[in-house]
Amino acid sequence: MIQNPIPWPGGARCACAITFDMDADSLIHVAKPKDGHKRLYPISMGQYGPLVAMPRILETYARLGRKQSFFVPGWCFETYPKAVEAILDGGHEIGHHGWIHEDPVATEGDAQRAAFERAMASHRRLVGARPRGYRAPVYNITDQVLDLALENGFLYDSSLMGDDVPYALQTPRGRLYEMPVHWGTDDWPPFAHYDEIGYMMPVRSPSAGLQGFWEEFEAQYQAGGFFMLILHPFLTGRLARWRAVEAWLETTLDTRDVWFARLEDISEHLKNLEAGGCTLRTDTLPYYAAPQS
């Protein structure tokens, strides 16, 4: 089923990452810049992520001995430094996720460079090192942002949807590895009910909302592929939903041959494979040089 299979460490059947975008209440501030600070309900909903859900998520990962990847906007670094410290204390990776979850397409040009570099400064100050990976807010990555990532020595991106397994991106500026995402493994469609930013999803029960994810895992596992969830602490970090994810993690670790890893570790694995002569599927960017009609 997968034409470009990747050999995983230790002969594991499938690589797996349960990643989080810790956006907190940045979403309401960027969506409603004039009065977002007055909208108490969406602020509180976003704050649930770093203040309530993150300790729960990190406790599970610590108990199970897993290290995973988190993507955090620079504004959230500054606003919730204790949550960032807790992520780092657990040995997890923190990737670049914009400054205040601004849309890279809407801010293309000087504004996007300024936002990218402002987030980089926060990352360096609080982490002490540059990030190795990037995930675009709302997945709207642009050629400009890929250039900025390469300019800053990044190893991978996790915003595109071009394959079932990780692949490479070759641009005029250099090479990145792509950790592909998809809405089918993102918790936004089943759980995001957020009228203030233009989403009114019919909220599903934890079992129904998560079931599609486990079906995606089974397909990847049988094909020897790559399974990644893209979750948000203020959505799937809520009690009933996280309890269900935790139960799945426990069962999967006990019964399946899966390599759970941070995205930077998966990217390093790809880099080593290429150095050893393995050929990865590669997309050459930009996809188009001009508007198509």
C-alpha atoms as a PDB file:
ATOM      1  CA  MET A   1       0.000   0.000   0.000  1.00  0.00           C
ATOM      2  CA  ILE A   2       2.954   2.356   0.638  1.00  0.00           C
ATOM      3  CA  GLN A   3       5.297   2.596  -2.347  1.00  0.00           C
ATOM      4  CA  ASN A   4       8.097   4.385  -0.489  1.00  0.00           C
ATOM      5  CA  PRO A   5       8.350   2.524   2.839  1.00  0.00           C
ATOM      6  CA  ILE A   6      10.835   3.718   5.424  1.00  0.00           C
ATOM      7  CA  PRO A   7      12.795   1.245   7.574  1.00  0.00           C
ATOM      8  CA  TRP A   8      12.243   2.205  11.197  1.00  0.00           C
ATOM      9  CA  PRO A   9      14.754   1.746  14.050  1.00  0.00           C
ATOM     10  CA  GLY A  10      14.872  -1.684  15.625  1.00  0.00           C
ATOM     11  CA  GLY A  11      12.677  -3.076  12.889  1.00  0.00           C
ATOM     12  CA  ALA A  12       9.602  -1.361  14.326  1.00  0.00           C
ATOM     13  CA  ARG A  13       6.442  -1.837  12.288  1.00  0.00           C
ATOM     14  CA  CYS A  14       5.338   1.808  12.478  1.00  0.00           C
ATOM     15  CA  ALA A  15       6.688   5.191  13.590  1.00  0.00           C
ATOM     16  CA  CYS A  16       4.344   7.190  15.778  1.00  0.00           C
ATOM     17  CA  ALA A  17       4.170  10.713  17.213  1.00  0.00           C
ATOM     18  CA  ILE A  18       1.359  12.144  19.355  1.00  0.00           C
ATOM     19  CA  THR A  19       2.097  15.846  18.892  1.00  0.00           C
ATOM     20  CA  PHE A  20       0.496  18.940  20.399  1.00  0.00           C
ATOM     21  CA  ASP A  21       0.029  22.527  19.254  1.00  0.00           C
ATOM     22  CA  MET A  22      -0.117  24.554  22.486  1.00  0.00           C
ATOM     23  CA  ASP A  23      -1.881  27.607  21.056  1.00  0.00           C
ATOM     24  CA  ALA A  24      -3.606  28.562  24.330  1.00  0.00           C
ATOM     25  CA  ASP A  25      -5.585  31.800  23.944  1.00  0.00           C
ATOM     26  CA  SER A  26      -3.379  33.197  21.174  1.00  0.00           C
ATOM     27  CA  LEU A  27      -6.202  32.251  18.787  1.00  0.00           C
ATOM     28  CA  ILE A  28      -8.691  34.792  20.111  1.00  0.00           C
ATOM     29  CA  HIS A  29      -6.120  37.598  20.216  1.00  0.00           C
ATOM     30  CA  VAL A  30      -5.016  37.125  16.616  1.00  0.00           C
ATOM     31  CA  ALA A  31      -8.604  36.635  15.393  1.00  0.00           C
ATOM     32  CA  LYS A  32     -10.021  39.618  17.308  1.00  0.00           C
ATOM     33  CA  PRO A  33      -7.085  42.000  17.768  1.00  0.00           C
ATOM     34  CA  LYS A  34      -9.259  44.973  18.804  1.00  0.00           C
ATOM     35  CA  ASP A  35     -11.248  43.337  21.598  1.00  0.00           C
ATOM     36  CA  GLY A  36      -9.932  39.783  22.047  1.00  0.00           C
ATOM     37  CA  HIS A  37      -8.571  40.753  25.459  1.00  0.00           C
ATOM     38  CA  LYS A  38     -12.152  41.414  26.631  1.00  0.00           C
ATOM     39  CA  ARG A  39     -13.606  38.071  25.488  1.00  0.00           C
ATOM     40  CA  LEU A  40     -13.405  36.102  28.708  1.00  0.00           C
ATOM     41  CA  TYR A  41     -14.945  32.787  27.668  1.00  0.00           C
ATOM     42  CA  PRO A  42     -12.565  32.093  24.743  1.00  0.00           C
ATOM     43  CA  ILE A  43      -9.618  33.278  26.826  1.00  0.00           C
ATOM     44  CA  SER A  44     -10.522  30.822  29.562  1.00  0.00           C
ATOM     45  CA  MET A  45     -11.044  28.015  27.024  1.00  0.00           C
ATOM     46  CA  GLY A  46      -7.570  28.613  25.603  1.00  0.00           C
ATOM     47  CA  GLN A  47      -5.939  28.937  29.022  1.00  0.00           C
ATOM     48  CA  TYR A  48      -7.278  25.507  29.948  1.00  0.00           C
ATOM     49  CA  GLY A  49      -4.546  24.142  27.677  1.00  0.00           C
ATOM     50  CA  PRO A  50      -1.362  25.328  29.417  1.00  0.00           C
ATOM     51  CA  LEU A  51      -2.839  25.581  32.925  1.00  0.00           C
ATOM     52  CA  VAL A  52      -4.944  22.407  33.269  1.00  0.00           C
ATOM     53  CA  ALA A  53      -4.371  20.057  30.342  1.00  0.00           C
ATOM     54  CA  MET A  54      -0.597  20.290  29.982  1.00  0.00           C
ATOM     55  CA  PRO A  55       0.232  18.884  33.445  1.00  0.00           C
ATOM     56  CA  ARG A  56      -2.129  15.974  32.699  1.00  0.00           C
ATOM     57  CA  ILE A  57      -0.567  15.283  29.297  1.00  0.00           C
ATOM     58  CA  LEU A  58       2.998  15.552  30.570  1.00  0.00           C
ATOM     59  CA  GLU A  59       2.260  13.233  33.502  1.00  0.00           C
ATOM     60  CA  THR A  60       1.035  10.572  31.086  1.00  0.00           C
ATOM     61  CA  TYR A  61       4.116  10.887  28.900  1.00  0.00           C
ATOM     62  CA  ALA A  62       6.402  10.719  31.956  1.00  0.00           C
ATOM     63  CA  ARG A  63       4.629   7.652  33.333  1.00  0.00           C
ATOM     64  CA  LEU A  64       4.845   5.877  29.992  1.00  0.00           C
ATOM     65  CA  GLY A  65       8.409   7.009  29.350  1.00  0.00           C
ATOM     66  CA  ARG A  66       7.625   8.745  26.061  1.00  0.00           C
ATOM     67  CA  LYS A  67       9.092  11.952  24.668  1.00  0.00           C
ATOM     68  CA  GLN A  68       7.094  13.774  22.004  1.00  0.00           C
ATOM     69  CA  SER A  69       6.911  17.057  20.076  1.00  0.00           C
ATOM     70  CA  PHE A  70       5.070  20.248  20.966  1.00  0.00           C
ATOM     71  CA  PHE A  71       4.602  23.324  18.788  1.00  0.00           C
ATOM     72  CA  VAL A  72       4.249  26.583  20.680  1.00  0.00           C
ATOM     73  CA  PRO A  73       3.707  30.134  19.357  1.00  0.00           C
ATOM     74  CA  GLY A  74       6.255  32.650  20.620  1.00  0.00           C
ATOM     75  CA  TRP A  75       3.531  34.663  22.363  1.00  0.00           C
ATOM     76  CA  CYS A  76       2.686  31.538  24.386  1.00  0.00           C
ATOM     77  CA  PHE A  77       6.334  31.186  25.395  1.00  0.00           C
ATOM     78  CA  GLU A  78       6.131  34.647  26.934  1.00  0.00           C
ATOM     79  CA  THR A  79       2.663  34.236  28.450  1.00  0.00           C
ATOM     80  CA  TYR A  80       2.957  30.671  29.821  1.00  0.00           C
ATOM     81  CA  PRO A  81       6.660  30.143  30.620  1.00  0.00           C
ATOM     82  CA  LYS A  82       5.930  27.539  33.327  1.00  0.00           C
ATOM     83  CA  ALA A  83       4.191  25.306  30.779  1.00  0.00           C
ATOM     84  CA  VAL A  84       7.187  25.673  28.469  1.00  0.00           C
ATOM     85  CA  GLU A  85       9.558  24.812  31.308  1.00  0.00           C
ATOM     86  CA  ALA A  86       7.515  21.705  32.123  1.00  0.00           C
ATOM     87  CA  ILE A  87       7.667  20.547  28.509  1.00  0.00           C
ATOM     88  CA  LEU A  88      11.440  20.965  28.470  1.00  0.00           C
ATOM     89  CA  ASP A  89      11.859  19.300  31.877  1.00  0.00           C
ATOM     90  CA  GLY A  90      10.138  16.237  30.423  1.00  0.00           C
ATOM     91  CA  GLY A  91      12.720  15.997  27.646  1.00  0.00           C
ATOM     92  CA  HIS A  92      10.233  16.904  24.931  1.00  0.00           C
ATOM     93  CA  GLU A  93      10.849  18.881  21.776  1.00  0.00           C
ATOM     94  CA  ILE A  94       9.391  22.340  21.166  1.00  0.00           C
ATOM     95  CA  GLY A  95       9.012  23.459  17.569  1.00  0.00           C
ATOM     96  CA  HIS A  96       8.312  26.843  15.983  1.00  0.00           C
ATOM     97  CA  HIS A  97       4.623  27.708  15.526  1.00  0.00           C
ATOM     98  CA  GLY A  98       4.622  31.388  14.607  1.00  0.00           C
ATOM     99  CA  TRP A  99       4.470  34.360  16.952  1.00  0.00           C
ATOM    100  CA  ILE A 100       0.770  34.614  17.858  1.00  0.00           C
ATOM    101  CA  HIS A 101      -0.610  31.957  15.507  1.00  0.00           C
ATOM    102  CA  GLU A 102      -0.710  34.414  12.614  1.00  0.00           C
ATOM    103  CA  ASP A 103      -1.618  33.011   9.190  1.00  0.00           C
ATOM    104  CA  PRO A 104       1.587  32.923   7.088  1.00  0.00           C
ATOM    105  CA  VAL A 105      -0.390  33.563   3.904  1.00  0.00           C
ATOM    106  CA  ALA A 106      -2.124  36.627   5.367  1.00  0.00           C
ATOM    107  CA  THR A 107       1.155  38.015   6.721  1.00  0.00           C
ATOM    108  CA  GLU A 108       3.400  37.195   3.781  1.00  0.00           C
ATOM    109  CA  GLY A 109       6.330  39.536   3.279  1.00  0.00           C
ATOM    110  CA  ASP A 110       7.967  41.746   5.907  1.00  0.00           C
ATOM    111  CA  ALA A 111       5.245  41.031   8.485  1.00  0.00           C
ATOM    112  CA  GLN A 112       5.849  37.291   8.277  1.00  0.00           C
ATOM    113  CA  ARG A 113       9.620  37.654   8.625  1.00  0.00           C
ATOM    114  CA  ALA A 114       9.118  39.897  11.660  1.00  0.00           C
ATOM    115  CA  ALA A 115       6.735  37.410  13.286  1.00  0.00           C
ATOM    116  CA  PHE A 116       9.028  34.469  12.533  1.00  0.00           C
ATOM    117  CA  GLU A 117      12.083  36.195  13.960  1.00  0.00           C
ATOM    118  CA  ARG A 118      10.206  37.454  17.023  1.00  0.00           C
ATOM    119  CA  ALA A 119       9.178  33.875  17.820  1.00  0.00           C
ATOM    120  CA  MET A 120      12.761  32.718  17.258  1.00  0.00           C
ATOM    121  CA  ALA A 121      13.988  35.231  19.839  1.00  0.00           C
ATOM    122  CA  SER A 122      11.544  33.915  22.445  1.00  0.00           C
ATOM    123  CA  HIS A 123      12.535  30.356  21.674  1.00  0.00           C
ATOM    124  CA  ARG A 124      16.231  31.081  22.063  1.00  0.00           C
ATOM    125  CA  ARG A 125      15.690  32.970  25.312  1.00  0.00           C
ATOM    126  CA  LEU A 126      13.519  30.341  27.016  1.00  0.00           C
ATOM    127  CA  VAL A 127      14.873  27.138  25.452  1.00  0.00           C
ATOM    128  CA  GLY A 128      18.482  28.168  24.994  1.00  0.00           C
ATOM    129  CA  ALA A 129      18.688  26.715  21.498  1.00  0.00           C
ATOM    130  CA  ARG A 130      17.042  27.203  18.147  1.00  0.00           C
ATOM    131  CA  PRO A 131      14.093  24.980  17.190  1.00  0.00           C
ATOM    132  CA  ARG A 132      14.680  22.196  14.702  1.00  0.00           C
ATOM    133  CA  GLY A 133      11.167  21.983  13.309  1.00  0.00           C
ATOM    134  CA  TYR A 134       8.279  24.157  12.184  1.00  0.00           C
ATOM    135  CA  ARG A 135       4.526  23.725  11.935  1.00  0.00           C
ATOM    136  CA  ALA A 136       2.590  26.506  10.248  1.00  0.00           C
ATOM    137  CA  PRO A 137      -0.463  27.979  11.969  1.00  0.00           C
ATOM    138  CA  VAL A 138      -3.535  26.558  10.161  1.00  0.00           C
ATOM    139  CA  TYR A 139      -0.966  24.615   8.051  1.00  0.00           C
ATOM    140  CA  ASN A 140      -0.682  27.632   5.715  1.00  0.00           C
ATOM    141  CA  ILE A 141       3.031  27.351   5.081  1.00  0.00           C
ATOM    142  CA  THR A 142       4.482  29.371   2.193  1.00  0.00           C
ATOM    143  CA  ASP A 143       7.696  29.252   0.209  1.00  0.00           C
ATOM    144  CA  GLN A 144       8.823  32.295   2.217  1.00  0.00           C
ATOM    145  CA  VAL A 145       8.434  30.449   5.508  1.00  0.00           C
ATOM    146  CA  LEU A 146      10.329  27.433   4.186  1.00  0.00           C
ATOM    147  CA  ASP A 147      13.141  29.816   3.238  1.00  0.00           C
ATOM    148  CA  LEU A 148      13.071  31.306   6.741  1.00  0.00           C
ATOM    149  CA  ALA A 149      13.228  27.822   8.257  1.00  0.00           C
ATOM    150  CA  LEU A 150      16.254  26.921   6.144  1.00  0.00           C
ATOM    151  CA  GLU A 151      17.871  30.272   6.873  1.00  0.00           C
ATOM    152  CA  ASN A 152      17.624  29.417  10.578  1.00  0.00           C
ATOM    153  CA  GLY A 153      19.002  25.898  10.256  1.00  0.00           C
ATOM    154  CA  PHE A 154      15.785  23.933  10.694  1.00  0.00           C
ATOM    155  CA  LEU A 155      15.755  20.219   9.941  1.00  0.00           C
ATOM    156  CA  TYR A 156      12.064  19.608   9.214  1.00  0.00           C
ATOM    157  CA  ASP A 157       8.604  20.992   8.576  1.00  0.00           C
ATOM    158  CA  SER A 158       5.266  19.524   9.623  1.00  0.00           C
ATOM    159  CA  SER A 159       2.627  21.423   7.646  1.00  0.00           C
ATOM    160  CA  LEU A 160       2.125  19.645   4.309  1.00  0.00           C
ATOM    161  CA  MET A 161      -0.075  16.731   3.290  1.00  0.00           C
ATOM    162  CA  GLY A 162       1.713  15.183   0.324  1.00  0.00           C
ATOM    163  CA  ASP A 163       2.328  11.612   1.496  1.00  0.00           C
ATOM    164  CA  ASP A 164       1.489   8.910   4.037  1.00  0.00           C
ATOM    165  CA  VAL A 165       5.053   8.803   5.363  1.00  0.00           C
ATOM    166  CA  PRO A 166       7.775  11.419   5.857  1.00  0.00           C
ATOM    167  CA  TYR A 167       9.466  12.685   2.719  1.00  0.00           C
ATOM    168  CA  ALA A 168      11.904  15.399   1.627  1.00  0.00           C
ATOM    169  CA  LEU A 169      11.432  18.956   0.374  1.00  0.00           C
ATOM    170  CA  GLN A 170      14.056  20.378  -1.934  1.00  0.00           C
ATOM    171  CA  THR A 171      13.954  24.158  -2.378  1.00  0.00           C
ATOM    172  CA  PRO A 172      16.384  26.600  -4.022  1.00  0.00           C
ATOM    173  CA  ARG A 173      17.614  27.370  -0.477  1.00  0.00           C
ATOM    174  CA  GLY A 174      18.160  23.800   0.683  1.00  0.00           C
ATOM    175  CA  ARG A 175      16.559  20.606   1.932  1.00  0.00           C
ATOM    176  CA  LEU A 176      14.060  19.880   4.707  1.00  0.00           C
ATOM    177  CA  TYR A 177      12.272  16.747   5.820  1.00  0.00           C
ATOM    178  CA  GLU A 178       8.489  16.822   5.822  1.00  0.00           C
ATOM    179  CA  MET A 179       6.521  15.195   8.663  1.00  0.00           C
ATOM    180  CA  PRO A 180       3.143  15.123   6.878  1.00  0.00           C
ATOM    181  CA  VAL A 181      -0.069  16.153   8.605  1.00  0.00           C
ATOM    182  CA  HIS A 182      -3.693  15.628   7.624  1.00  0.00           C
ATOM    183  CA  TRP A 183      -7.076  16.827   8.889  1.00  0.00           C
ATOM    184  CA  GLY A 184      -8.027  13.183   9.396  1.00  0.00           C
ATOM    185  CA  THR A 185      -5.594  12.969  12.307  1.00  0.00           C
ATOM    186  CA  ASP A 186      -6.194  16.475  13.671  1.00  0.00           C
ATOM    187  CA  ASP A 187      -8.564  17.023  16.616  1.00  0.00           C
ATOM    188  CA  TRP A 188      -9.907  20.308  15.219  1.00  0.00           C
ATOM    189  CA  PRO A 189     -12.676  18.789  13.020  1.00  0.00           C
ATOM    190  CA  PRO A 190     -14.268  16.601  15.728  1.00  0.00           C
ATOM    191  CA  PHE A 191     -13.864  18.913  18.715  1.00  0.00           C
ATOM    192  CA  ALA A 192     -13.438  22.605  17.783  1.00  0.00           C
ATOM    193  CA  HIS A 193     -16.547  24.652  18.513  1.00  0.00           C
ATOM    194  CA  TYR A 194     -15.226  28.201  18.430  1.00  0.00           C
ATOM    195  CA  ASP A 195     -17.546  30.707  16.784  1.00  0.00           C
ATOM    196  CA  GLU A 196     -15.278  33.701  17.504  1.00  0.00           C
ATOM    197  CA  ILE A 197     -12.660  32.410  15.079  1.00  0.00           C
ATOM    198  CA  GLY A 198     -15.096  31.012  12.532  1.00  0.00           C
ATOM    199  CA  TYR A 199     -15.440  27.352  13.516  1.00  0.00           C
ATOM    200  CA  MET A 200     -18.711  25.750  14.587  1.00  0.00           C
ATOM    201  CA  MET A 201     -17.930  22.044  14.518  1.00  0.00           C
ATOM    202  CA  PRO A 202     -20.629  19.768  15.972  1.00  0.00           C
ATOM    203  CA  VAL A 203     -18.748  18.537  19.031  1.00  0.00           C
ATOM    204  CA  ARG A 204     -18.540  14.760  19.067  1.00  0.00           C
ATOM    205  CA  SER A 205     -18.229  12.439  22.036  1.00  0.00           C
ATOM    206  CA  PRO A 206     -14.682  11.380  22.939  1.00  0.00           C
ATOM    207  CA  SER A 207     -15.201   7.852  21.621  1.00  0.00           C
ATOM    208  CA  ALA A 208     -16.772   8.978  18.332  1.00  0.00           C
ATOM    209  CA  GLY A 209     -14.358  11.867  17.815  1.00  0.00           C
ATOM    210  CA  LEU A 210     -11.283   9.734  18.398  1.00  0.00           C
ATOM    211  CA  GLN A 211     -12.405   6.585  16.592  1.00  0.00           C
ATOM    212  CA  GLY A 212     -11.305   7.864  13.209  1.00  0.00           C
ATOM    213  CA  PHE A 213      -7.793   8.390  14.563  1.00  0.00           C
ATOM    214  CA  TRP A 214      -7.489   4.780  15.656  1.00  0.00           C
ATOM    215  CA  GLU A 215      -8.682   3.605  12.245  1.00  0.00           C
ATOM    216  CA  GLU A 216      -5.973   5.750  10.668  1.00  0.00           C
ATOM    217  CA  PHE A 217      -3.425   4.130  12.978  1.00  0.00           C
ATOM    218  CA  GLU A 218      -4.518   0.623  12.039  1.00  0.00           C
ATOM    219  CA  ALA A 219      -4.068   1.385   8.346  1.00  0.00           C
ATOM    220  CA  GLN A 220      -0.608   2.862   8.930  1.00  0.00           C
ATOM    221  CA  TYR A 221       0.399  -0.007  11.201  1.00  0.00           C
ATOM    222  CA  GLN A 222      -0.636  -2.652   8.710  1.00  0.00           C
ATOM    223  CA  ALA A 223       1.238  -0.836   5.928  1.00  0.00           C
ATOM    224  CA  GLY A 224       4.379  -0.251   8.014  1.00  0.00           C
ATOM    225  CA  GLY A 225       3.943   3.520   7.838  1.00  0.00           C
ATOM    226  CA  PHE A 226       3.851   6.651   9.975  1.00  0.00           C
ATOM    227  CA  PHE A 227       1.080   7.698  12.337  1.00  0.00           C
ATOM    228  CA  MET A 228       0.931  11.198  13.799  1.00  0.00           C
ATOM    229  CA  LEU A 229      -1.808  12.939  15.726  1.00  0.00           C
ATOM    230  CA  ILE A 230      -2.031  16.733  15.728  1.00  0.00           C
ATOM    231  CA  LEU A 231      -3.773  17.646  18.975  1.00  0.00           C
ATOM    232  CA  HIS A 232      -4.476  20.802  20.969  1.00  0.00           C
ATOM    233  CA  PRO A 233      -4.295  20.748  24.775  1.00  0.00           C
ATOM    234  CA  PHE A 234      -7.471  22.819  25.198  1.00  0.00           C
ATOM    235  CA  LEU A 235      -9.366  20.322  23.013  1.00  0.00           C
ATOM    236  CA  THR A 236      -8.044  16.777  23.485  1.00  0.00           C
ATOM    237  CA  GLY A 237      -6.398  17.572  26.816  1.00  0.00           C
ATOM    238  CA  ARG A 238      -9.846  17.737  28.384  1.00  0.00           C
ATOM    239  CA  LEU A 239     -10.482  14.971  30.883  1.00  0.00           C
ATOM    240  CA  ALA A 240     -12.616  12.412  29.020  1.00  0.00           C
ATOM    241  CA  ARG A 241     -10.770  12.824  25.730  1.00  0.00           C
ATOM    242  CA  TRP A 242      -7.313  12.530  27.234  1.00  0.00           C
ATOM    243  CA  ARG A 243      -8.363   9.532  29.293  1.00  0.00           C
ATOM    244  CA  ALA A 244      -9.299   7.814  26.030  1.00  0.00           C
ATOM    245  CA  VAL A 245      -5.984   8.759  24.377  1.00  0.00           C
ATOM    246  CA  GLU A 246      -4.085   7.576  27.439  1.00  0.00           C
ATOM    247  CA  ALA A 247      -5.856   4.211  27.334  1.00  0.00           C
ATOM    248  CA  TRP A 248      -4.989   3.852  23.632  1.00  0.00           C
ATOM    249  CA  LEU A 249      -1.350   4.678  24.345  1.00  0.00           C
ATOM    250  CA  GLU A 250      -1.156   2.071  27.102  1.00  0.00           C
ATOM    251  CA  THR A 251      -2.707  -0.635  24.922  1.00  0.00           C
ATOM    252  CA  THR A 252      -0.599   0.217  21.892  1.00  0.00           C
ATOM    253  CA  LEU A 253       2.649   0.193  23.851  1.00  0.00           C
ATOM    254  CA  ASP A 254       1.756  -3.213  25.309  1.00  0.00           C
ATOM    255  CA  THR A 255       0.572  -4.907  22.131  1.00  0.00           C
ATOM    256  CA  ARG A 256       2.162  -3.266  19.064  1.00  0.00           C
ATOM    257  CA  ASP A 257       5.651  -2.875  17.668  1.00  0.00           C
ATOM    258  CA  VAL A 258       5.706   0.924  17.396  1.00  0.00           C
ATOM    259  CA  TRP A 259       8.537   3.454  17.549  1.00  0.00           C
ATOM    260  CA  PHE A 260       7.186   6.460  19.483  1.00  0.00           C
ATOM    261  CA  ALA A 261       9.552   9.359  18.857  1.00  0.00           C
ATOM    262  CA  ARG A 262       9.903  13.111  18.710  1.00  0.00           C
ATOM    263  CA  LEU A 263       9.707  14.545  15.220  1.00  0.00           C
ATOM    264  CA  GLU A 264      13.276  15.776  15.438  1.00  0.00           C
ATOM    265  CA  ASP A 265      14.375  12.178  16.126  1.00  0.00           C
ATOM    266  CA  ILE A 266      12.398  10.906  13.142  1.00  0.00           C
ATOM    267  CA  SER A 267      13.988  13.613  11.000  1.00  0.00           C
ATOM    268  CA  GLU A 268      17.461  12.653  12.185  1.00  0.00           C
ATOM    269  CA  HIS A 269      16.646   9.057  11.283  1.00  0.00           C
ATOM    270  CA  LEU A 270      15.754  10.151   7.745  1.00  0.00           C
ATOM    271  CA  LYS A 271      18.953  12.174   7.501  1.00  0.00           C
ATOM    272  CA  ASN A 272      20.986   9.117   8.515  1.00  0.00           C
ATOM    273  CA  LEU A 273      19.120   6.919   6.036  1.00  0.00           C
ATOM    274  CA  GLU A 274      19.930   9.319   3.208  1.00  0.00           C
ATOM    275  CA  ALA A 275      23.562   9.462   4.302  1.00  0.00           C
ATOM    276  CA  GLY A 276      23.599   5.670   4.067  1.00  0.00           C
ATOM    277  CA  GLY A 277      22.294   5.677   0.505  1.00  0.00           C
ATOM    278  CA  CYS A 278      18.551   5.372   1.043  1.00  0.00           C
ATOM    279  CA  THR A 279      16.452   7.340  -1.456  1.00  0.00           C
ATOM    280  CA  LEU A 280      13.524   9.322  -0.065  1.00  0.00           C
ATOM    281  CA  ARG A 281      10.657  10.609  -2.125  1.00  0.00           C
ATOM    282  CA  THR A 282      11.356  14.307  -2.725  1.00  0.00           C
ATOM    283  CA  ASP A 283       9.107  17.225  -3.654  1.00  0.00           C
ATOM    284  CA  THR A 284      10.868  20.045  -5.483  1.00  0.00           C
ATOM    285  CA  LEU A 285       9.601  23.498  -4.535  1.00  0.00           C
ATOM    286  CA  PRO A 286       8.135  25.862  -5.418  1.00  0.00           C
ATOM    287  CA  TYR A 287       5.347  23.748  -6.877  1.00  0.00           C
ATOM    288  CA  TYR A 288       4.491  26.553  -9.334  1.00  0.00           C
ATOM    289  CA  ALA A 289       6.367  29.682 -10.371  1.00  0.00           C
ATOM    290  CA  ALA A 290       3.269  31.695 -11.309  1.00  0.00           C
ATOM    291  CA  PRO A 291      -0.536  31.673 -10.957  1.00  0.00           C
ATOM    292  CA  GLN A 292      -2.231  28.865 -12.879  1.00  0.00           C
ATOM    293  CA  SER A 293      -5.305  29.294 -15.034  1.00  0.00           C
END
